[in-house]
Amino acid sequence: MATPTEPAQRRSALDRYFRIAERGSTVAREVRGGLATFFTMAYIVVLNPLIIGTQPDSTGSFLGGGDAPDLAAVAAATALVAGVMTILMGVVANYPLALATGLGLNAFVAFGVAALPGMTWADAMGLVVLEGLIILVLVLTGFREAVFHAVPAQLKTAISVGIGLFITIVGLVDAGFVRSGSGTPLELGIGGFLNGWPTLVFVVGLLLMIVLMARGVRGAILGGIVAATVLAVVVEAIAQLGSRTGADGEVRDPRAWGLNVPALPSSWVDTPDFSLLGQFSLLGSFERIGVVSVVLLVFTLLLADFFDTMGTMVAIGKEGDLLDAEGNPPGTRRILVVDSIAAAAGGAAGVSSNTSYIESATGVGEGARTGLASVVTGVAFLLTTFLAPVVAIVPYEAATPALVVVGFLMMTQVKGIDWDDVEIALPAFLTIVLMPFTYSISAGIGAGFVAHVVLKVARGKARQVHPLMWVTAALFVLYFAIDPVKEAFGVA
């Protein structure tokens, strides 16, 4: 096996291209990490169609132009774009970061854009393409990267910690281990108690990962996902629990499975339907809803996409020890270029903006350090276009323990923040707590940025604030107040 000290000519071409040994990794670790990332985020192939594929636009048409949902086409396009863009991230940026349709952004497109009077799905996806192209221009001109470099290093650390807590609560909620309570925002399980076989699968998977990690077993996270999935299949075969929700979206049985029902499929291979590709209208929305409405909608999409990726790539780099002294990942501009292209590609393929996924931290937790892991994840997504029934075997309850474990690993970075310096501690605190409490990475970053500027001004240190931090803080104030601004301009 090659080591960082071996001459470059003695390493394989794969090793030299991805700098595997140089970053202290191996091909086996990269493959294992790439698969772990895939299994942790493969749910998007099932979930994205349920969000954007089941909602008609203002004309009553569903995504693809039909009068009924076509979930298979949405799933195939979702997997295709995720696969292509994740491979591009690996090959171009050499970074262990996977991309797929952004949750939150897809819901906004479905309920806040396509449903507007006069708008069609093609118009809505055109806005997504437009937003991606604008972000790409901001990257190529250096603005997006400059904003990233203007953020204080310890605030970047706080972003990583906040994302760690964010993915932890995502894992706990998606698994049903934590739920909305009666009289409380959240509670343990059902009525304050753990109940149901799926919860047991989650607990067993989580404990198994913890034990394997504590014993230094390689592949602890991926092994835990596979073992929990096997247990889930056995449980479903015996108990016949079915899905937690019925066809109408209402909760049928809170003790059943959250998303995928872990049963062996009748068919392991399915022919993909790529009919959604190219179904977008770049400028149609201007005529339908007006210039002001378009500008505000694109701004909302842009700002969320803009900073989510920044926080995600820092968190991944911090977890993998890939950041430089200023907290910047290698090849920042290449990462941001690929992410920007992905946003536009998602719109062009009719599946909403694609963005970097924090679940990539699962692969980094397995040892991934290079873009080879992203290539593995991307290939797995491409295979999913044919093997969608296989992906449907893995339930939330088997995959989400990985998010909790990785959340712990990212939380350990909190010691890198100077908690005795109020100018750092308070913005860091707001960044960390608001991400999980608002279910939004952008909200946490925005609160931290605004608090940083306000505290500097309050203590007579306004000149120490980087000019771009002034700009981004002002943009976040506008972002937080976007609804009153829309009302002021008469936008629905």
Protein backbone atom coordinates (compact mmCIF):
# COMPACT_ATOMS: atom_id res chain seq x y z
CA MET A 1 0.00 0.00 0.00
CA ALA A 2 1.28 3.46 -0.87
CA THR A 3 2.12 5.89 1.89
CA PRO A 4 2.45 9.70 1.81
CA THR A 5 6.26 9.37 1.88
CA GLU A 6 6.51 7.07 -1.14
CA PRO A 7 7.58 8.60 -4.48
CA ALA A 8 4.59 9.62 -6.59
CA GLN A 9 5.65 7.37 -9.47
CA ARG A 10 5.32 4.30 -7.25
CA ARG A 11 1.68 5.03 -6.48
CA SER A 12 -1.20 4.01 -8.70
CA ALA A 13 -2.73 6.49 -11.12
CA LEU A 14 -5.89 6.44 -9.00
CA ASP A 15 -3.89 7.26 -5.87
CA ARG A 16 -2.02 10.09 -7.57
CA TYR A 17 -5.13 11.65 -9.11
CA PHE A 18 -7.19 11.66 -5.91
CA ARG A 19 -4.16 12.11 -3.60
CA ILE A 20 -5.44 9.23 -1.50
CA ALA A 21 -2.26 8.32 0.37
CA GLU A 22 -1.32 11.98 0.71
CA ARG A 23 -4.52 12.56 2.67
CA GLY A 24 -3.91 9.51 4.84
CA SER A 25 -6.59 7.31 3.30
CA THR A 26 -6.83 4.13 1.26
CA VAL A 27 -8.96 3.01 -1.67
CA ALA A 28 -10.87 0.66 0.64
CA ARG A 29 -11.71 3.49 3.03
CA GLU A 30 -12.85 5.70 0.17
CA VAL A 31 -15.13 2.99 -1.20
CA ARG A 32 -16.50 2.23 2.25
CA GLY A 33 -17.04 5.92 2.96
CA GLY A 34 -18.73 6.50 -0.39
CA LEU A 35 -21.16 3.67 0.21
CA ALA A 36 -21.89 4.88 3.75
CA THR A 37 -22.75 8.33 2.41
CA PHE A 38 -24.99 6.82 -0.26
CA PHE A 39 -26.99 4.66 2.14
CA THR A 40 -27.39 7.60 4.53
CA MET A 41 -28.82 9.93 1.88
CA ALA A 42 -30.44 7.46 -0.53
CA TYR A 43 -33.78 8.35 1.05
CA ILE A 44 -33.89 11.42 -1.20
CA VAL A 45 -34.71 9.17 -4.17
CA VAL A 46 -37.91 8.19 -2.39
CA LEU A 47 -38.66 11.41 -0.52
CA ASN A 48 -38.16 13.97 -3.29
CA PRO A 49 -40.89 12.43 -5.50
CA LEU A 50 -43.27 12.50 -2.52
CA ILE A 51 -42.63 16.23 -2.03
CA ILE A 52 -42.54 17.62 -5.55
CA GLY A 53 -44.16 14.79 -7.48
CA THR A 54 -47.45 14.80 -5.59
CA GLN A 55 -48.15 18.55 -5.74
CA PRO A 56 -49.95 20.09 -8.76
CA ASP A 57 -48.97 23.51 -10.04
CA SER A 58 -51.44 26.39 -10.28
CA THR A 59 -52.90 24.89 -13.47
CA GLY A 60 -53.58 21.55 -11.82
CA SER A 61 -50.82 19.72 -13.70
CA PHE A 62 -48.27 17.54 -11.93
CA LEU A 63 -44.53 17.51 -12.51
CA GLY A 64 -44.01 16.31 -16.07
CA GLY A 65 -47.23 17.85 -17.34
CA GLY A 66 -49.66 15.04 -16.59
CA ASP A 67 -52.92 15.03 -14.66
CA ALA A 68 -51.61 12.43 -12.19
CA PRO A 69 -48.33 12.05 -10.24
CA ASP A 70 -45.48 10.26 -12.01
CA LEU A 71 -43.29 9.35 -9.04
CA ALA A 72 -41.14 6.88 -10.98
CA ALA A 73 -39.98 9.58 -13.40
CA VAL A 74 -39.19 11.99 -10.54
CA ALA A 75 -37.25 9.27 -8.69
CA ALA A 76 -35.23 8.34 -11.77
CA ALA A 77 -34.32 11.96 -12.55
CA THR A 78 -33.51 12.61 -8.88
CA ALA A 79 -31.06 9.72 -8.80
CA LEU A 80 -29.57 10.59 -12.20
CA VAL A 81 -28.73 14.21 -11.36
CA ALA A 82 -27.45 13.26 -7.89
CA GLY A 83 -25.19 10.64 -9.46
CA VAL A 84 -23.78 12.82 -12.22
CA MET A 85 -23.16 15.87 -10.01
CA THR A 86 -21.64 13.84 -7.16
CA ILE A 87 -19.23 12.18 -9.58
CA LEU A 88 -18.39 15.64 -10.94
CA MET A 89 -17.67 16.84 -7.40
CA GLY A 90 -15.29 13.94 -6.89
CA VAL A 91 -13.49 14.23 -10.22
CA VAL A 92 -13.27 18.03 -10.46
CA ALA A 93 -13.01 19.13 -6.81
CA ASN A 94 -11.55 15.95 -5.27
CA TYR A 95 -13.68 16.44 -2.18
CA PRO A 96 -15.75 13.81 -0.29
CA LEU A 97 -18.98 15.72 -0.77
CA ALA A 98 -22.17 14.30 -2.28
CA LEU A 99 -24.99 16.28 -3.89
CA ALA A 100 -28.69 15.69 -4.41
CA THR A 101 -31.98 17.56 -4.45
CA GLY A 102 -32.01 19.95 -1.50
CA LEU A 103 -34.66 19.32 1.12
CA GLY A 104 -36.41 22.51 2.11
CA LEU A 105 -35.59 24.03 -1.25
CA ASN A 106 -37.73 21.43 -3.00
CA ALA A 107 -40.62 22.10 -0.63
CA PHE A 108 -40.30 25.84 -1.24
CA VAL A 109 -40.38 25.26 -5.01
CA ALA A 110 -43.43 23.00 -4.69
CA PHE A 111 -45.53 25.04 -2.29
CA GLY A 112 -44.10 28.55 -2.65
CA VAL A 113 -43.36 28.81 -6.37
CA ALA A 114 -45.20 26.28 -8.54
CA ALA A 115 -48.45 26.92 -6.65
CA LEU A 116 -48.43 30.67 -7.33
CA PRO A 117 -51.30 31.84 -9.57
CA GLY A 118 -50.38 31.36 -13.21
CA MET A 119 -47.17 29.44 -12.53
CA THR A 120 -46.40 26.05 -14.01
CA TRP A 121 -43.86 23.44 -12.96
CA ALA A 122 -41.76 24.36 -16.01
CA ASP A 123 -41.72 28.01 -14.90
CA ALA A 124 -40.80 27.04 -11.34
CA MET A 125 -37.89 24.89 -12.51
CA GLY A 126 -36.80 27.74 -14.76
CA LEU A 127 -36.38 29.91 -11.67
CA VAL A 128 -34.22 27.19 -10.12
CA VAL A 129 -32.02 27.14 -13.23
CA LEU A 130 -31.79 30.93 -13.14
CA GLU A 131 -30.77 30.86 -9.45
CA GLY A 132 -28.08 28.28 -10.16
CA LEU A 133 -26.66 30.32 -13.05
CA ILE A 134 -26.52 33.45 -10.89
CA ILE A 135 -24.65 31.58 -8.15
CA LEU A 136 -22.26 30.22 -10.78
CA VAL A 137 -21.51 33.78 -11.92
CA LEU A 138 -20.89 34.81 -8.29
CA VAL A 139 -18.42 31.93 -7.95
CA LEU A 140 -16.59 32.64 -11.21
CA THR A 141 -16.24 36.31 -10.30
CA GLY A 142 -14.78 35.32 -6.93
CA PHE A 143 -17.59 36.87 -4.85
CA ARG A 144 -18.87 33.67 -3.28
CA GLU A 145 -15.39 32.51 -2.34
CA ALA A 146 -14.50 35.97 -1.00
CA VAL A 147 -17.53 35.91 1.29
CA PHE A 148 -16.46 32.51 2.56
CA HIS A 149 -12.93 33.72 3.34
CA ALA A 150 -14.33 36.79 5.14
CA VAL A 151 -16.02 34.65 7.80
CA PRO A 152 -13.97 34.44 11.06
CA ALA A 153 -12.41 30.99 11.59
CA GLN A 154 -14.13 30.35 14.93
CA LEU A 155 -17.50 31.23 13.42
CA LYS A 156 -16.79 28.59 10.76
CA THR A 157 -16.15 26.14 13.60
CA ALA A 158 -19.50 27.09 15.15
CA ILE A 159 -21.16 26.38 11.80
CA SER A 160 -19.68 22.86 11.85
CA VAL A 161 -20.86 22.24 15.41
CA GLY A 162 -24.33 23.59 14.63
CA ILE A 163 -24.61 21.32 11.61
CA GLY A 164 -23.60 18.41 13.85
CA LEU A 165 -26.55 19.13 16.14
CA PHE A 166 -28.77 19.73 13.12
CA ILE A 167 -28.12 16.34 11.55
CA THR A 168 -28.49 14.72 14.99
CA ILE A 169 -32.01 16.04 15.44
CA VAL A 170 -32.81 15.18 11.81
CA GLY A 171 -31.77 11.60 12.53
CA LEU A 172 -33.72 11.40 15.79
CA VAL A 173 -36.89 12.87 14.28
CA ASP A 174 -36.78 10.90 11.03
CA ALA A 175 -36.39 7.68 13.06
CA GLY A 176 -39.37 8.57 15.27
CA PHE A 177 -37.14 8.42 18.36
CA VAL A 178 -38.11 12.06 18.93
CA ARG A 179 -41.51 13.36 17.84
CA SER A 180 -43.89 16.28 18.15
CA GLY A 181 -45.50 16.08 21.55
CA SER A 182 -48.89 16.90 22.98
CA GLY A 183 -48.22 20.15 24.77
CA THR A 184 -44.48 20.14 24.02
CA PRO A 185 -42.62 20.86 20.76
CA LEU A 186 -40.82 17.51 21.01
CA GLU A 187 -40.94 14.45 23.20
CA LEU A 188 -39.36 11.02 23.46
CA GLY A 189 -41.04 8.47 21.18
CA ILE A 190 -44.81 8.25 21.52
CA GLY A 191 -46.29 9.98 24.55
CA GLY A 192 -42.87 10.20 26.18
CA PHE A 193 -42.07 6.49 25.86
CA LEU A 194 -40.27 4.37 23.28
CA ASN A 195 -42.74 2.17 21.46
CA GLY A 196 -42.72 0.13 18.26
CA TRP A 197 -40.42 -2.25 16.42
CA PRO A 198 -38.94 0.46 14.14
CA THR A 199 -37.74 2.33 17.22
CA LEU A 200 -36.04 -0.86 18.40
CA VAL A 201 -34.29 -1.15 15.03
CA PHE A 202 -33.02 2.42 15.41
CA VAL A 203 -31.77 1.82 18.94
CA VAL A 204 -30.06 -1.44 17.99
CA GLY A 205 -28.43 0.20 14.97
CA LEU A 206 -27.23 3.16 17.05
CA LEU A 207 -25.83 1.00 19.85
CA LEU A 208 -24.13 -1.29 17.34
CA MET A 209 -22.41 1.65 15.65
CA ILE A 210 -21.31 3.05 19.00
CA VAL A 211 -19.87 -0.27 20.15
CA LEU A 212 -18.09 -0.91 16.85
CA MET A 213 -16.61 2.60 16.85
CA ALA A 214 -15.50 2.28 20.48
CA ARG A 215 -13.72 -0.96 19.60
CA GLY A 216 -12.05 0.65 16.60
CA VAL A 217 -13.78 -1.53 14.02
CA ARG A 218 -13.40 -0.22 10.48
CA GLY A 219 -16.68 0.27 8.66
CA ALA A 220 -18.61 0.73 11.90
CA ILE A 221 -21.16 3.13 10.39
CA LEU A 222 -21.75 1.24 7.15
CA GLY A 223 -21.82 -2.07 9.01
CA GLY A 224 -24.39 -0.66 11.41
CA ILE A 225 -26.64 0.48 8.55
CA VAL A 226 -26.48 -2.93 6.86
CA ALA A 227 -27.08 -4.85 10.10
CA ALA A 228 -30.01 -2.62 11.08
CA THR A 229 -31.51 -3.03 7.61
CA VAL A 230 -31.32 -6.83 7.87
CA LEU A 231 -33.00 -6.65 11.28
CA ALA A 232 -35.68 -4.35 9.84
CA VAL A 233 -36.42 -6.77 6.98
CA VAL A 234 -36.81 -9.63 9.47
CA VAL A 235 -39.06 -7.53 11.73
CA GLU A 236 -41.28 -6.49 8.82
CA ALA A 237 -41.54 -10.05 7.54
CA ILE A 238 -42.82 -11.18 10.94
CA ALA A 239 -44.82 -8.19 12.18
CA GLN A 240 -46.15 -6.81 8.84
CA LEU A 241 -46.12 -3.22 10.12
CA GLY A 242 -46.35 -1.32 6.84
CA SER A 243 -45.93 2.43 6.47
CA ARG A 244 -46.57 4.94 9.25
CA THR A 245 -48.70 7.04 6.90
CA GLY A 246 -51.49 6.09 4.54
CA ALA A 247 -51.95 7.04 0.89
CA ASP A 248 -53.59 10.31 1.97
CA GLY A 249 -50.55 11.34 4.02
CA GLU A 250 -52.34 10.91 7.34
CA VAL A 251 -50.70 8.94 10.16
CA ARG A 252 -52.05 5.40 10.04
CA ASP A 253 -49.95 3.81 12.78
CA PRO A 254 -47.31 5.84 14.67
CA ARG A 255 -45.49 2.62 15.53
CA ALA A 256 -44.92 1.63 11.88
CA TRP A 257 -42.06 2.53 9.52
CA GLY A 258 -41.35 6.19 8.81
CA LEU A 259 -40.68 6.12 5.04
CA ASN A 260 -39.43 2.97 3.33
CA VAL A 261 -41.02 -0.31 4.34
CA PRO A 262 -38.09 -2.76 4.62
CA ALA A 263 -39.47 -5.67 2.63
CA LEU A 264 -37.67 -7.64 -0.07
CA PRO A 265 -38.92 -6.36 -3.46
CA SER A 266 -40.65 -8.54 -6.01
CA SER A 267 -38.34 -7.08 -8.67
CA TRP A 268 -34.77 -5.92 -8.10
CA VAL A 269 -34.37 -4.01 -11.37
CA ASP A 270 -36.59 -1.40 -13.02
CA THR A 271 -36.20 0.55 -16.27
CA PRO A 272 -35.70 4.27 -15.50
CA ASP A 273 -37.91 6.97 -17.00
CA PHE A 274 -35.95 10.16 -17.81
CA SER A 275 -38.83 12.05 -19.42
CA LEU A 276 -38.51 14.95 -16.96
CA LEU A 277 -35.14 16.05 -18.32
CA GLY A 278 -35.29 19.46 -19.98
CA GLN A 279 -38.81 20.33 -18.83
CA PHE A 280 -38.18 23.90 -17.70
CA SER A 281 -38.93 27.40 -18.95
CA LEU A 282 -36.09 29.78 -18.12
CA LEU A 283 -37.92 33.09 -18.54
CA GLY A 284 -41.59 32.09 -18.57
CA SER A 285 -42.12 33.20 -14.96
CA PHE A 286 -41.40 36.87 -15.79
CA GLU A 287 -44.52 37.08 -17.90
CA ARG A 288 -46.64 35.08 -15.46
CA ILE A 289 -45.84 36.73 -12.09
CA GLY A 290 -43.81 39.85 -12.93
CA VAL A 291 -40.22 40.97 -12.49
CA VAL A 292 -40.46 41.93 -8.79
CA SER A 293 -41.90 38.58 -7.79
CA VAL A 294 -39.26 36.73 -9.80
CA VAL A 295 -36.44 38.73 -8.19
CA LEU A 296 -37.69 38.05 -4.66
CA LEU A 297 -38.23 34.35 -5.29
CA VAL A 298 -34.81 33.91 -6.89
CA PHE A 299 -33.21 35.86 -4.02
CA THR A 300 -34.85 33.55 -1.49
CA LEU A 301 -33.62 30.46 -3.32
CA LEU A 302 -30.18 31.93 -3.87
CA LEU A 303 -29.44 32.95 -0.30
CA ALA A 304 -30.46 29.58 1.14
CA ASP A 305 -28.36 27.73 -1.45
CA PHE A 306 -25.46 30.17 -1.11
CA PHE A 307 -24.76 29.63 2.57
CA ASP A 308 -25.98 26.06 3.09
CA THR A 309 -23.16 24.80 0.91
CA MET A 310 -20.57 26.95 2.62
CA GLY A 311 -21.51 25.55 6.00
CA THR A 312 -21.64 22.01 4.69
CA MET A 313 -18.24 21.99 3.02
CA VAL A 314 -16.62 23.48 6.13
CA ALA A 315 -18.23 20.89 8.36
CA ILE A 316 -17.07 18.07 6.09
CA GLY A 317 -13.55 19.47 5.92
CA LYS A 318 -13.37 19.96 9.66
CA GLU A 319 -14.49 16.40 10.32
CA GLY A 320 -11.96 15.03 7.84
CA ASP A 321 -9.12 17.33 8.97
CA LEU A 322 -8.93 18.78 5.47
CA LEU A 323 -9.06 22.50 6.31
CA ASP A 324 -6.12 24.88 6.25
CA ALA A 325 -5.13 27.24 9.09
CA GLU A 326 -7.88 29.72 8.09
CA GLY A 327 -10.54 27.01 8.07
CA ASN A 328 -10.76 26.76 4.28
CA PRO A 329 -11.08 23.43 2.42
CA PRO A 330 -8.75 22.60 -0.48
CA GLY A 331 -10.04 23.68 -3.88
CA THR A 332 -12.79 25.89 -2.46
CA ARG A 333 -13.61 27.47 -5.81
CA ARG A 334 -13.88 24.12 -7.60
CA ILE A 335 -16.25 22.87 -4.88
CA LEU A 336 -18.43 25.95 -5.25
CA VAL A 337 -18.42 25.79 -9.06
CA VAL A 338 -19.66 22.20 -9.06
CA ASP A 339 -22.30 23.02 -6.43
CA SER A 340 -23.53 25.97 -8.49
CA ILE A 341 -23.76 23.86 -11.65
CA ALA A 342 -25.68 21.27 -9.63
CA ALA A 343 -28.27 23.86 -8.63
CA ALA A 344 -28.94 24.71 -12.28
CA ALA A 345 -28.80 21.05 -13.34
CA GLY A 346 -31.46 20.11 -10.81
CA GLY A 347 -33.81 22.69 -12.26
CA ALA A 348 -33.02 21.67 -15.84
CA ALA A 349 -33.82 18.05 -14.97
CA GLY A 350 -37.09 19.01 -13.27
CA VAL A 351 -36.16 17.78 -9.78
CA SER A 352 -35.38 21.11 -8.03
CA SER A 353 -32.03 22.57 -6.99
CA ASN A 354 -29.28 20.07 -6.18
CA THR A 355 -26.97 21.01 -3.34
CA SER A 356 -24.26 19.59 -1.11
CA TYR A 357 -25.47 17.10 1.51
CA ILE A 358 -24.30 17.16 5.10
CA GLU A 359 -24.92 13.40 5.19
CA SER A 360 -21.55 13.25 3.42
CA ALA A 361 -20.13 13.51 6.93
CA THR A 362 -21.16 9.89 7.38
CA GLY A 363 -18.67 8.85 4.72
CA VAL A 364 -15.99 11.06 6.26
CA GLY A 365 -16.71 9.37 9.56
CA GLU A 366 -15.93 6.09 7.79
CA GLY A 367 -12.55 7.44 6.71
CA ALA A 368 -13.29 9.08 3.34
CA ARG A 369 -10.92 11.95 2.58
CA THR A 370 -10.95 12.37 -1.20
CA GLY A 371 -13.18 12.71 -4.22
CA LEU A 372 -12.98 8.98 -4.87
CA ALA A 373 -15.62 8.54 -2.17
CA SER A 374 -17.87 10.96 -4.07
CA VAL A 375 -17.34 8.98 -7.26
CA VAL A 376 -18.42 5.82 -5.43
CA THR A 377 -21.50 7.58 -4.06
CA GLY A 378 -22.33 8.97 -7.49
CA VAL A 379 -22.02 5.59 -9.20
CA ALA A 380 -24.32 4.13 -6.55
CA PHE A 381 -26.89 6.83 -7.38
CA LEU A 382 -26.62 6.05 -11.08
CA LEU A 383 -27.19 2.37 -10.38
CA THR A 384 -30.19 3.42 -8.34
CA THR A 385 -31.91 4.60 -11.51
CA PHE A 386 -32.14 0.90 -12.34
CA LEU A 387 -32.15 -0.51 -8.79
CA ALA A 388 -34.71 1.75 -7.13
CA PRO A 389 -36.44 -1.26 -5.48
CA VAL A 390 -33.17 -2.11 -3.68
CA VAL A 391 -32.81 1.38 -2.21
CA ALA A 392 -36.38 1.16 -0.94
CA ILE A 393 -35.35 -1.68 1.35
CA VAL A 394 -33.40 0.61 3.70
CA PRO A 395 -35.80 2.35 6.13
CA TYR A 396 -35.18 5.63 7.94
CA GLU A 397 -34.76 3.71 11.18
CA ALA A 398 -31.75 1.79 9.82
CA ALA A 399 -29.97 4.72 8.18
CA THR A 400 -30.51 7.56 10.67
CA PRO A 401 -28.37 6.16 13.53
CA ALA A 402 -25.43 7.15 11.32
CA LEU A 403 -26.52 10.80 11.50
CA VAL A 404 -26.54 10.71 15.30
CA VAL A 405 -23.07 9.17 15.46
CA VAL A 406 -21.65 11.69 12.99
CA GLY A 407 -23.39 14.49 14.89
CA PHE A 408 -21.41 13.45 17.97
CA LEU A 409 -18.15 13.50 16.01
CA MET A 410 -18.86 17.00 14.73
CA MET A 411 -19.93 18.22 18.17
CA THR A 412 -16.43 17.55 19.51
CA GLN A 413 -15.21 20.57 17.53
CA VAL A 414 -16.93 22.88 20.02
CA LYS A 415 -13.73 23.02 22.06
CA GLY A 416 -12.16 25.10 19.28
CA ILE A 417 -14.37 28.09 20.16
CA ASP A 418 -13.18 30.69 22.69
CA TRP A 419 -16.18 30.80 25.01
CA ASP A 420 -14.59 33.54 27.14
CA ASP A 421 -14.71 36.04 24.27
CA VAL A 422 -18.28 37.34 24.02
CA GLU A 423 -17.70 38.66 20.49
CA ILE A 424 -17.10 35.10 19.35
CA ALA A 425 -19.10 33.13 21.92
CA LEU A 426 -22.52 34.77 21.40
CA PRO A 427 -22.56 34.61 17.57
CA ALA A 428 -21.22 31.05 17.83
CA PHE A 429 -23.93 30.12 20.34
CA LEU A 430 -26.71 31.51 18.13
CA THR A 431 -25.28 29.74 15.09
CA ILE A 432 -25.11 26.41 16.93
CA VAL A 433 -28.52 26.42 18.60
CA LEU A 434 -30.62 27.95 15.84
CA MET A 435 -29.68 25.36 13.23
CA PRO A 436 -31.39 22.47 15.03
CA PHE A 437 -34.08 24.62 16.66
CA THR A 438 -35.19 26.20 13.35
CA TYR A 439 -34.41 23.15 11.22
CA SER A 440 -32.39 25.43 8.94
CA ILE A 441 -28.64 25.70 8.35
CA SER A 442 -29.11 29.09 6.70
CA ALA A 443 -31.03 30.50 9.68
CA GLY A 444 -28.21 29.56 12.03
CA ILE A 445 -25.53 31.03 9.79
CA GLY A 446 -27.54 34.20 9.28
CA ALA A 447 -28.12 34.72 13.00
CA GLY A 448 -24.42 34.25 13.69
CA PHE A 449 -23.39 36.70 10.97
CA VAL A 450 -25.83 39.39 12.10
CA ALA A 451 -24.88 38.97 15.77
CA HIS A 452 -21.17 39.16 14.88
CA VAL A 453 -21.64 42.51 13.14
CA VAL A 454 -23.94 43.92 15.84
CA LEU A 455 -21.54 43.02 18.66
CA LYS A 456 -18.55 44.51 16.86
CA VAL A 457 -20.46 47.76 16.33
CA ALA A 458 -21.74 47.79 19.93
CA ARG A 459 -18.18 47.49 21.24
CA GLY A 460 -16.79 50.21 18.98
CA LYS A 461 -14.97 47.81 16.66
CA ALA A 462 -16.91 48.37 13.47
CA ARG A 463 -13.69 48.80 11.50
CA GLN A 464 -12.73 45.21 12.33
CA VAL A 465 -15.75 43.88 10.43
CA HIS A 466 -14.83 42.66 6.96
CA PRO A 467 -16.75 44.63 4.29
CA LEU A 468 -18.27 41.45 2.91
CA MET A 469 -19.56 40.55 6.38
CA TRP A 470 -21.48 43.84 6.33
CA VAL A 471 -22.96 42.90 2.97
CA THR A 472 -23.93 39.36 3.96
CA ALA A 473 -25.36 40.47 7.31
CA ALA A 474 -27.55 43.01 5.50
CA LEU A 475 -28.66 40.36 3.01
CA PHE A 476 -29.59 38.05 5.87
CA VAL A 477 -31.66 40.78 7.52
CA LEU A 478 -33.53 41.06 4.22
CA TYR A 479 -33.79 37.28 4.03
CA PHE A 480 -35.30 37.02 7.52
CA ALA A 481 -37.78 39.76 6.68
CA ILE A 482 -38.63 38.44 3.21
CA ASP A 483 -42.36 38.02 3.90
CA PRO A 484 -42.92 41.68 4.97
CA VAL A 485 -40.85 42.74 1.98
CA LYS A 486 -43.04 40.65 -0.32
CA GLU A 487 -46.15 42.22 1.20
CA ALA A 488 -44.69 45.68 0.70
CA PHE A 489 -44.24 44.93 -3.00
CA GLY A 490 -47.62 43.25 -3.27
CA VAL A 491 -46.16 39.79 -3.89
CA ALA A 492 -48.25 36.82 -2.76
